Amino acid sequence: MLLKCFRIISALLVGLVLQQGFAQSVDYTVTQTPVGAPLPLENIKQNQSNALNLGDDMISGPVNLGFTFTFYGQEFSSTYISNNGVIGFQGAINGCCNGYDLNLSGNNYGIFALQTDLYNINTSNPYFRLSGTEGSREFTVGWYDMPIFADSNYRNNFEITLYEGSN
């Protein structure tokens, strides 16, 4: 199901890129693991990260990336992080609950990693971290053990990493 969501999101992003005529390519990876297998994530929660402590359906204020990131021809130095698996560059994007029209103003400049109604239960999700040295820094946002609202049987672990220089 998660892979299907990523394929749908990928198709929407590719459609947006083609529709808008942006020259920047869309690049992402998806890794699925069996239940109980070690996570193939950096798991920044355990490694010098900053907890945002967002409540249900909340969005952070602007978070400094630590470098300039070019996204679809625009340069950004900060992002807004949503509890629901979305980061926005032009402003706050909640990501909950019935999908977003990527053609609407403001949604064009967001990364919708999961975009669902995630519920933060007694954790500090999401987390963010800047790592690396100047010229090759990485800004990673991670969501860990996050259930979908009203269904705590299924937990989600995912990250978004922005790379300095390669964008």
N, C-alpha and C. Protein backbone atom coordinates (compact mmCIF):
# COMPACT_ATOMS: atom_id res chain seq x y z
N MET A 1 0.83 -1.19 0.00
CA MET A 1 0.00 0.00 0.00
C MET A 1 0.87 1.25 0.00
N LEU A 2 1.95 1.25 0.81
CA LEU A 2 2.83 2.40 0.87
C LEU A 2 3.50 2.62 -0.48
N LEU A 3 3.94 1.54 -1.12
CA LEU A 3 4.55 1.66 -2.43
C LEU A 3 3.56 2.23 -3.43
N LYS A 4 2.31 1.81 -3.36
CA LYS A 4 1.28 2.33 -4.24
C LYS A 4 1.10 3.83 -4.03
N CYS A 5 1.11 4.27 -2.76
CA CYS A 5 0.99 5.70 -2.46
C CYS A 5 2.16 6.47 -3.07
N PHE A 6 3.38 5.92 -2.94
CA PHE A 6 4.54 6.59 -3.51
C PHE A 6 4.44 6.65 -5.03
N ARG A 7 3.95 5.59 -5.66
CA ARG A 7 3.79 5.61 -7.11
C ARG A 7 2.78 6.67 -7.54
N ILE A 8 1.69 6.81 -6.80
CA ILE A 8 0.69 7.81 -7.12
C ILE A 8 1.29 9.20 -6.94
N ILE A 9 1.98 9.42 -5.84
CA ILE A 9 2.60 10.72 -5.58
C ILE A 9 3.64 11.00 -6.66
N SER A 10 4.43 9.98 -7.02
CA SER A 10 5.43 10.16 -8.06
C SER A 10 4.78 10.55 -9.37
N ALA A 11 3.69 9.89 -9.72
CA ALA A 11 2.99 10.22 -10.96
C ALA A 11 2.47 11.65 -10.92
N LEU A 12 1.96 12.08 -9.78
CA LEU A 12 1.48 13.46 -9.65
C LEU A 12 2.62 14.46 -9.80
N LEU A 13 3.77 14.15 -9.18
CA LEU A 13 4.91 15.04 -9.28
C LEU A 13 5.43 15.11 -10.71
N VAL A 14 5.53 13.97 -11.38
CA VAL A 14 5.98 13.96 -12.76
C VAL A 14 5.00 14.75 -13.63
N GLY A 15 3.70 14.57 -13.40
CA GLY A 15 2.69 15.33 -14.13
C GLY A 15 2.84 16.81 -13.89
N LEU A 16 3.12 17.17 -12.66
CA LEU A 16 3.30 18.58 -12.32
C LEU A 16 4.52 19.14 -13.03
N VAL A 17 5.61 18.37 -13.03
CA VAL A 17 6.84 18.82 -13.69
C VAL A 17 6.58 19.02 -15.18
N LEU A 18 5.91 18.07 -15.81
CA LEU A 18 5.62 18.19 -17.23
C LEU A 18 4.68 19.34 -17.51
N GLN A 19 3.67 19.51 -16.66
CA GLN A 19 2.69 20.56 -16.87
C GLN A 19 3.33 21.94 -16.69
N GLN A 20 4.17 22.07 -15.68
CA GLN A 20 4.76 23.36 -15.39
C GLN A 20 5.98 23.65 -16.26
N GLY A 21 6.53 22.63 -16.93
CA GLY A 21 7.67 22.83 -17.80
C GLY A 21 8.96 23.05 -17.05
N PHE A 22 9.07 22.57 -15.83
CA PHE A 22 10.29 22.73 -15.06
C PHE A 22 11.38 21.83 -15.63
N ALA A 23 12.59 22.32 -15.62
CA ALA A 23 13.71 21.55 -16.17
C ALA A 23 14.30 20.60 -15.13
N GLN A 24 14.04 20.82 -13.86
CA GLN A 24 14.63 19.99 -12.82
C GLN A 24 13.97 18.61 -12.80
N SER A 25 14.79 17.57 -12.74
CA SER A 25 14.24 16.22 -12.75
C SER A 25 13.74 15.84 -11.36
N VAL A 26 12.83 14.88 -11.32
CA VAL A 26 12.31 14.35 -10.07
C VAL A 26 13.09 13.08 -9.77
N ASP A 27 13.66 12.99 -8.58
CA ASP A 27 14.46 11.83 -8.21
C ASP A 27 14.09 11.42 -6.80
N TYR A 28 13.80 10.15 -6.59
CA TYR A 28 13.45 9.65 -5.28
C TYR A 28 13.75 8.16 -5.21
N THR A 29 13.79 7.64 -4.00
CA THR A 29 13.93 6.20 -3.81
C THR A 29 12.87 5.73 -2.82
N VAL A 30 12.42 4.52 -3.00
CA VAL A 30 11.47 3.89 -2.10
C VAL A 30 12.03 2.52 -1.74
N THR A 31 12.07 2.22 -0.45
CA THR A 31 12.54 0.92 0.00
C THR A 31 11.48 0.32 0.90
N GLN A 32 11.05 -0.89 0.60
CA GLN A 32 10.10 -1.59 1.46
C GLN A 32 10.84 -2.68 2.21
N THR A 33 10.50 -2.85 3.48
CA THR A 33 11.09 -3.92 4.27
C THR A 33 9.99 -4.74 4.91
N PRO A 34 10.26 -6.03 5.14
CA PRO A 34 9.26 -6.86 5.82
C PRO A 34 9.09 -6.42 7.27
N VAL A 35 7.93 -6.71 7.84
CA VAL A 35 7.66 -6.38 9.24
C VAL A 35 8.72 -7.03 10.11
N GLY A 36 9.28 -6.27 11.01
CA GLY A 36 10.29 -6.78 11.94
C GLY A 36 11.72 -6.64 11.45
N ALA A 37 11.91 -6.30 10.18
CA ALA A 37 13.26 -6.13 9.64
C ALA A 37 13.82 -4.78 10.09
N PRO A 38 15.14 -4.65 10.17
CA PRO A 38 15.72 -3.36 10.54
C PRO A 38 15.34 -2.28 9.52
N LEU A 39 15.17 -1.08 10.01
CA LEU A 39 14.79 0.02 9.13
C LEU A 39 15.98 0.44 8.26
N PRO A 40 15.75 0.65 6.95
CA PRO A 40 16.83 1.11 6.08
C PRO A 40 16.94 2.63 6.08
N LEU A 41 16.60 3.23 7.20
CA LEU A 41 16.60 4.69 7.32
C LEU A 41 17.77 5.13 8.18
N GLU A 42 18.09 6.39 8.11
CA GLU A 42 19.13 6.93 8.99
C GLU A 42 18.67 6.96 10.43
N ASN A 43 17.37 6.98 10.64
CA ASN A 43 16.77 7.06 11.96
C ASN A 43 17.42 8.17 12.78
N ILE A 44 17.25 9.37 12.30
CA ILE A 44 17.87 10.53 12.95
C ILE A 44 17.32 10.76 14.36
N LYS A 45 16.21 10.11 14.68
CA LYS A 45 15.65 10.22 16.03
C LYS A 45 16.70 9.80 17.07
N GLN A 46 17.52 8.84 16.70
CA GLN A 46 18.54 8.31 17.61
C GLN A 46 19.89 9.00 17.47
N ASN A 47 20.01 9.93 16.52
CA ASN A 47 21.34 10.44 16.20
C ASN A 47 21.35 11.96 16.03
N GLN A 48 21.51 12.69 17.10
CA GLN A 48 21.71 14.14 17.10
C GLN A 48 20.68 14.90 16.25
N SER A 49 19.43 14.67 16.55
CA SER A 49 18.38 15.36 15.81
C SER A 49 17.65 16.34 16.73
N ASN A 50 16.79 17.11 16.12
CA ASN A 50 15.97 18.07 16.84
C ASN A 50 14.52 17.62 16.75
N ALA A 51 13.87 17.45 17.88
CA ALA A 51 12.45 17.06 17.90
C ALA A 51 11.59 18.29 17.74
N LEU A 52 10.57 18.19 16.91
CA LEU A 52 9.66 19.32 16.71
C LEU A 52 8.49 19.31 17.69
N ASN A 53 8.18 18.16 18.28
CA ASN A 53 7.10 18.05 19.26
C ASN A 53 5.78 18.65 18.75
N LEU A 54 5.42 18.29 17.54
CA LEU A 54 4.18 18.80 16.95
C LEU A 54 3.00 17.94 17.38
N GLY A 55 1.90 18.58 17.67
CA GLY A 55 0.67 17.87 17.97
C GLY A 55 -0.04 17.47 16.69
N ASP A 56 -1.19 16.88 16.84
CA ASP A 56 -1.97 16.39 15.70
C ASP A 56 -2.27 17.52 14.71
N ASP A 57 -1.96 17.29 13.45
CA ASP A 57 -2.23 18.21 12.34
C ASP A 57 -1.51 19.56 12.48
N MET A 58 -0.40 19.58 13.20
CA MET A 58 0.34 20.83 13.38
C MET A 58 1.47 20.94 12.36
N ILE A 59 1.94 22.18 12.18
CA ILE A 59 3.02 22.49 11.25
C ILE A 59 4.01 23.39 11.98
N SER A 60 5.28 23.15 11.76
CA SER A 60 6.31 23.98 12.39
C SER A 60 6.33 25.36 11.76
N GLY A 61 6.98 26.27 12.44
CA GLY A 61 7.35 27.53 11.81
C GLY A 61 8.49 27.25 10.86
N PRO A 62 9.04 28.26 10.21
CA PRO A 62 10.14 28.01 9.27
C PRO A 62 11.35 27.42 10.00
N VAL A 63 11.88 26.34 9.42
CA VAL A 63 13.06 25.67 9.96
C VAL A 63 14.21 25.91 8.99
N ASN A 64 15.32 26.45 9.49
CA ASN A 64 16.48 26.76 8.67
C ASN A 64 17.11 25.47 8.13
N LEU A 65 17.32 25.42 6.80
CA LEU A 65 17.94 24.25 6.19
C LEU A 65 19.45 24.20 6.43
N GLY A 66 20.08 25.34 6.62
CA GLY A 66 21.54 25.38 6.78
C GLY A 66 22.27 25.58 5.47
N PHE A 67 21.54 25.62 4.37
CA PHE A 67 22.09 25.87 3.04
C PHE A 67 20.94 26.28 2.12
N THR A 68 21.28 26.72 0.94
CA THR A 68 20.26 27.10 -0.04
C THR A 68 19.93 25.87 -0.88
N PHE A 69 18.65 25.57 -0.98
CA PHE A 69 18.16 24.41 -1.73
C PHE A 69 17.32 24.91 -2.89
N THR A 70 17.66 24.49 -4.11
CA THR A 70 16.91 24.89 -5.29
C THR A 70 15.87 23.82 -5.59
N PHE A 71 14.61 24.24 -5.65
CA PHE A 71 13.50 23.32 -5.87
C PHE A 71 12.61 23.92 -6.95
N TYR A 72 12.56 23.26 -8.11
CA TYR A 72 11.80 23.73 -9.26
C TYR A 72 12.13 25.18 -9.61
N GLY A 73 13.43 25.47 -9.66
CA GLY A 73 13.88 26.78 -10.10
C GLY A 73 13.84 27.89 -9.07
N GLN A 74 13.35 27.61 -7.88
CA GLN A 74 13.30 28.60 -6.80
C GLN A 74 14.30 28.21 -5.71
N GLU A 75 14.92 29.21 -5.10
CA GLU A 75 15.87 28.96 -4.02
C GLU A 75 15.21 29.16 -2.67
N PHE A 76 15.47 28.22 -1.77
CA PHE A 76 14.89 28.26 -0.42
C PHE A 76 15.98 27.99 0.60
N SER A 77 15.85 28.63 1.77
CA SER A 77 16.80 28.40 2.86
C SER A 77 16.10 27.86 4.10
N SER A 78 14.78 27.70 4.02
CA SER A 78 14.03 27.14 5.14
C SER A 78 12.83 26.35 4.61
N THR A 79 12.24 25.57 5.50
CA THR A 79 11.06 24.78 5.15
C THR A 79 10.12 24.71 6.35
N TYR A 80 8.87 24.43 6.08
CA TYR A 80 7.86 24.20 7.11
C TYR A 80 7.59 22.70 7.14
N ILE A 81 7.56 22.12 8.32
CA ILE A 81 7.44 20.66 8.46
C ILE A 81 6.09 20.33 9.10
N SER A 82 5.35 19.47 8.43
CA SER A 82 4.03 19.06 8.90
C SER A 82 4.10 17.72 9.63
N ASN A 83 3.30 17.58 10.65
CA ASN A 83 3.17 16.31 11.36
C ASN A 83 2.64 15.21 10.43
N ASN A 84 2.00 15.60 9.33
CA ASN A 84 1.36 14.64 8.42
C ASN A 84 2.21 14.21 7.25
N GLY A 85 3.52 14.40 7.30
CA GLY A 85 4.40 13.86 6.28
C GLY A 85 4.66 14.76 5.09
N VAL A 86 4.59 16.07 5.29
CA VAL A 86 4.77 17.01 4.20
C VAL A 86 5.75 18.10 4.65
N ILE A 87 6.62 18.54 3.73
CA ILE A 87 7.40 19.75 3.97
C ILE A 87 7.04 20.75 2.89
N GLY A 88 6.89 22.00 3.27
CA GLY A 88 6.52 23.07 2.35
C GLY A 88 7.60 24.12 2.32
N PHE A 89 7.84 24.67 1.14
CA PHE A 89 8.88 25.68 0.99
C PHE A 89 8.34 27.10 0.94
N GLN A 90 7.18 27.31 0.34
CA GLN A 90 6.63 28.67 0.25
C GLN A 90 5.76 29.02 1.45
N GLY A 91 5.48 28.04 2.28
CA GLY A 91 4.66 28.25 3.45
C GLY A 91 4.19 26.92 4.01
N ALA A 92 3.37 26.99 5.02
CA ALA A 92 2.90 25.79 5.71
C ALA A 92 1.90 25.01 4.84
N ILE A 93 2.13 23.70 4.73
CA ILE A 93 1.20 22.79 4.05
C ILE A 93 0.89 21.68 5.04
N ASN A 94 -0.36 21.54 5.44
CA ASN A 94 -0.73 20.58 6.47
C ASN A 94 -0.62 19.13 6.01
N GLY A 95 -1.12 18.80 4.83
CA GLY A 95 -1.04 17.44 4.32
C GLY A 95 -2.17 16.54 4.76
N CYS A 96 -3.06 17.03 5.57
CA CYS A 96 -4.18 16.21 6.03
C CYS A 96 -5.44 16.65 5.34
N CYS A 97 -6.30 15.94 4.95
CA CYS A 97 -6.56 14.54 5.19
C CYS A 97 -7.07 13.88 3.91
N ASN A 98 -7.57 14.66 2.98
CA ASN A 98 -8.17 14.07 1.79
C ASN A 98 -7.39 14.38 0.52
N GLY A 99 -6.11 14.63 0.64
CA GLY A 99 -5.30 14.93 -0.52
C GLY A 99 -5.29 16.40 -0.87
N TYR A 100 -4.31 16.80 -1.60
CA TYR A 100 -4.13 18.19 -1.98
C TYR A 100 -4.00 18.29 -3.49
N ASP A 101 -4.61 19.30 -4.06
CA ASP A 101 -4.46 19.58 -5.48
C ASP A 101 -3.12 20.27 -5.66
N LEU A 102 -2.19 19.58 -6.32
CA LEU A 102 -0.85 20.13 -6.48
C LEU A 102 -0.80 21.34 -7.41
N ASN A 103 -1.89 21.60 -8.12
CA ASN A 103 -1.94 22.77 -8.99
C ASN A 103 -2.32 24.04 -8.24
N LEU A 104 -2.79 23.91 -7.00
CA LEU A 104 -3.18 25.09 -6.23
C LEU A 104 -1.94 25.84 -5.74
N SER A 105 -2.05 27.14 -5.68
CA SER A 105 -0.96 27.98 -5.22
C SER A 105 -0.48 27.53 -3.84
N GLY A 106 0.81 27.47 -3.65
CA GLY A 106 1.38 27.06 -2.37
C GLY A 106 1.72 25.59 -2.31
N ASN A 107 0.92 24.74 -2.96
CA ASN A 107 1.19 23.30 -2.94
C ASN A 107 2.26 22.91 -3.95
N ASN A 108 2.54 23.77 -4.92
CA ASN A 108 3.54 23.46 -5.93
C ASN A 108 4.92 23.27 -5.32
N TYR A 109 5.19 23.93 -4.24
CA TYR A 109 6.51 23.90 -3.64
C TYR A 109 6.50 23.14 -2.33
N GLY A 110 6.08 21.90 -2.39
CA GLY A 110 6.08 21.02 -1.24
C GLY A 110 6.50 19.62 -1.64
N ILE A 111 6.98 18.88 -0.67
CA ILE A 111 7.29 17.46 -0.87
C ILE A 111 6.32 16.69 0.00
N PHE A 112 5.47 15.91 -0.64
CA PHE A 112 4.41 15.16 0.01
C PHE A 112 4.86 13.71 0.16
N ALA A 113 5.61 13.41 1.20
CA ALA A 113 6.18 12.06 1.36
C ALA A 113 5.11 11.01 1.61
N LEU A 114 4.18 11.29 2.48
CA LEU A 114 3.13 10.33 2.77
C LEU A 114 1.76 10.98 2.63
N GLN A 115 1.61 12.19 3.08
CA GLN A 115 0.38 12.99 2.98
C GLN A 115 -0.85 12.20 3.39
N THR A 116 -0.96 12.01 4.67
CA THR A 116 -2.14 11.37 5.24
C THR A 116 -2.36 11.96 6.62
N ASP A 117 -3.32 11.46 7.34
CA ASP A 117 -3.59 11.96 8.68
C ASP A 117 -2.81 11.13 9.68
N LEU A 118 -1.57 11.54 9.93
CA LEU A 118 -0.73 10.85 10.91
C LEU A 118 -1.03 11.41 12.29
N TYR A 119 -0.85 10.57 13.28
CA TYR A 119 -1.16 10.97 14.65
C TYR A 119 0.07 10.75 15.51
N ASN A 120 0.53 11.79 16.15
CA ASN A 120 1.72 11.76 16.99
C ASN A 120 1.31 11.33 18.40
N ILE A 121 1.58 10.08 18.75
CA ILE A 121 1.16 9.57 20.07
C ILE A 121 2.36 9.51 21.03
N ASN A 122 2.40 10.47 21.92
CA ASN A 122 3.40 10.49 22.98
C ASN A 122 4.83 10.35 22.47
N THR A 123 5.12 10.95 21.35
CA THR A 123 6.49 10.98 20.84
C THR A 123 6.83 12.41 20.51
N SER A 124 7.95 12.62 19.90
CA SER A 124 8.38 13.98 19.57
C SER A 124 8.45 14.18 18.06
N ASN A 125 7.77 13.36 17.31
CA ASN A 125 7.81 13.44 15.85
C ASN A 125 7.30 14.77 15.34
N PRO A 126 7.72 15.17 14.17
CA PRO A 126 8.87 14.68 13.43
C PRO A 126 10.18 15.26 13.98
N TYR A 127 11.28 14.73 13.45
CA TYR A 127 12.62 15.15 13.83
C TYR A 127 13.31 15.72 12.61
N PHE A 128 14.29 16.60 12.82
CA PHE A 128 15.10 17.08 11.71
C PHE A 128 16.55 17.19 12.14
N ARG A 129 17.45 17.12 11.13
CA ARG A 129 18.89 17.19 11.42
C ARG A 129 19.63 17.73 10.20
N LEU A 130 20.60 18.57 10.45
CA LEU A 130 21.53 19.02 9.43
C LEU A 130 22.84 18.31 9.69
N SER A 131 23.42 17.69 8.67
CA SER A 131 24.68 16.99 8.83
C SER A 131 25.58 17.25 7.63
N GLY A 132 26.84 16.86 7.75
CA GLY A 132 27.80 17.02 6.66
C GLY A 132 28.60 18.30 6.78
N THR A 133 29.46 18.51 5.80
CA THR A 133 30.30 19.69 5.77
C THR A 133 29.87 20.60 4.63
N GLU A 134 30.26 21.87 4.73
CA GLU A 134 29.83 22.85 3.74
C GLU A 134 30.11 22.36 2.32
N GLY A 135 29.11 22.48 1.48
CA GLY A 135 29.20 22.01 0.10
C GLY A 135 28.57 20.65 -0.12
N SER A 136 28.47 19.87 0.96
CA SER A 136 27.84 18.53 0.84
C SER A 136 26.97 18.22 2.06
N ARG A 137 26.27 19.24 2.55
CA ARG A 137 25.40 19.04 3.71
C ARG A 137 24.10 18.35 3.32
N GLU A 138 23.49 17.72 4.31
CA GLU A 138 22.20 17.05 4.14
C GLU A 138 21.25 17.52 5.22
N PHE A 139 20.03 17.85 4.83
CA PHE A 139 18.98 18.19 5.78
C PHE A 139 17.95 17.07 5.71
N THR A 140 17.79 16.35 6.82
CA THR A 140 16.89 15.20 6.86
C THR A 140 15.77 15.45 7.85
N VAL A 141 14.55 15.12 7.42
CA VAL A 141 13.38 15.14 8.29
C VAL A 141 12.90 13.70 8.40
N GLY A 142 12.64 13.24 9.62
CA GLY A 142 12.19 11.85 9.80
C GLY A 142 10.95 11.77 10.66
N TRP A 143 10.07 10.88 10.26
CA TRP A 143 8.85 10.54 11.00
C TRP A 143 8.97 9.07 11.37
N TYR A 144 8.81 8.72 12.65
CA TYR A 144 9.06 7.35 13.10
C TYR A 144 7.92 6.84 13.96
N ASP A 145 7.53 5.61 13.69
CA ASP A 145 6.49 4.91 14.46
C ASP A 145 5.20 5.73 14.53
N MET A 146 4.84 6.34 13.41
CA MET A 146 3.67 7.23 13.35
C MET A 146 2.47 6.45 12.83
N PRO A 147 1.44 6.29 13.64
CA PRO A 147 0.22 5.62 13.15
C PRO A 147 -0.65 6.58 12.35
N ILE A 148 -1.44 6.00 11.48
CA ILE A 148 -2.47 6.78 10.80
C ILE A 148 -3.58 7.00 11.81
N PHE A 149 -4.17 8.18 11.82
CA PHE A 149 -5.19 8.52 12.80
C PHE A 149 -6.27 7.46 12.87
N ALA A 150 -6.65 7.09 14.05
CA ALA A 150 -7.71 6.11 14.36
C ALA A 150 -7.34 4.69 13.97
N ASP A 151 -6.06 4.42 13.66
CA ASP A 151 -5.64 3.06 13.36
C ASP A 151 -4.19 2.87 13.78
N SER A 152 -3.98 2.64 15.06
CA SER A 152 -2.62 2.52 15.57
C SER A 152 -1.98 1.17 15.28
N ASN A 153 -2.67 0.28 14.56
CA ASN A 153 -2.10 -1.02 14.20
C ASN A 153 -1.00 -0.90 13.15
N TYR A 154 -1.06 0.12 12.32
CA TYR A 154 -0.08 0.30 11.26
C TYR A 154 0.75 1.54 11.56
N ARG A 155 2.06 1.35 11.64
CA ARG A 155 2.96 2.45 11.96
C ARG A 155 3.81 2.78 10.74
N ASN A 156 4.15 4.02 10.59
CA ASN A 156 4.89 4.50 9.43
C ASN A 156 6.23 5.08 9.86
N ASN A 157 7.27 4.74 9.11
CA ASN A 157 8.61 5.27 9.29
C ASN A 157 9.09 5.75 7.93
N PHE A 158 9.43 7.03 7.83
CA PHE A 158 9.92 7.54 6.56
C PHE A 158 10.72 8.81 6.79
N GLU A 159 11.54 9.15 5.81
CA GLU A 159 12.40 10.32 5.89
C GLU A 159 12.41 11.06 4.55
N ILE A 160 12.67 12.34 4.62
CA ILE A 160 12.95 13.16 3.44
C ILE A 160 14.34 13.74 3.67
N THR A 161 15.23 13.60 2.69
CA THR A 161 16.56 14.18 2.78
C THR A 161 16.78 15.12 1.61
N LEU A 162 17.21 16.35 1.92
CA LEU A 162 17.57 17.34 0.92
C LEU A 162 19.10 17.43 0.90
N TYR A 163 19.67 17.44 -0.31
CA TYR A 163 21.12 17.43 -0.47
C TYR A 163 21.61 18.77 -1.01
N GLU A 164 22.56 19.36 -0.31
CA GLU A 164 23.15 20.61 -0.75
C GLU A 164 23.92 20.38 -2.05
N GLY A 165 23.77 21.29 -2.98
CA GLY A 165 24.53 21.20 -4.22
C GLY A 165 23.83 20.41 -5.31
N SER A 166 23.35 19.21 -5.01
CA SER A 166 22.70 18.40 -6.04
C SER A 166 21.21 18.70 -6.15
N ASN A 167 20.65 19.31 -5.08
CA ASN A 167 19.23 19.66 -5.06
C ASN A 167 18.35 18.48 -5.37
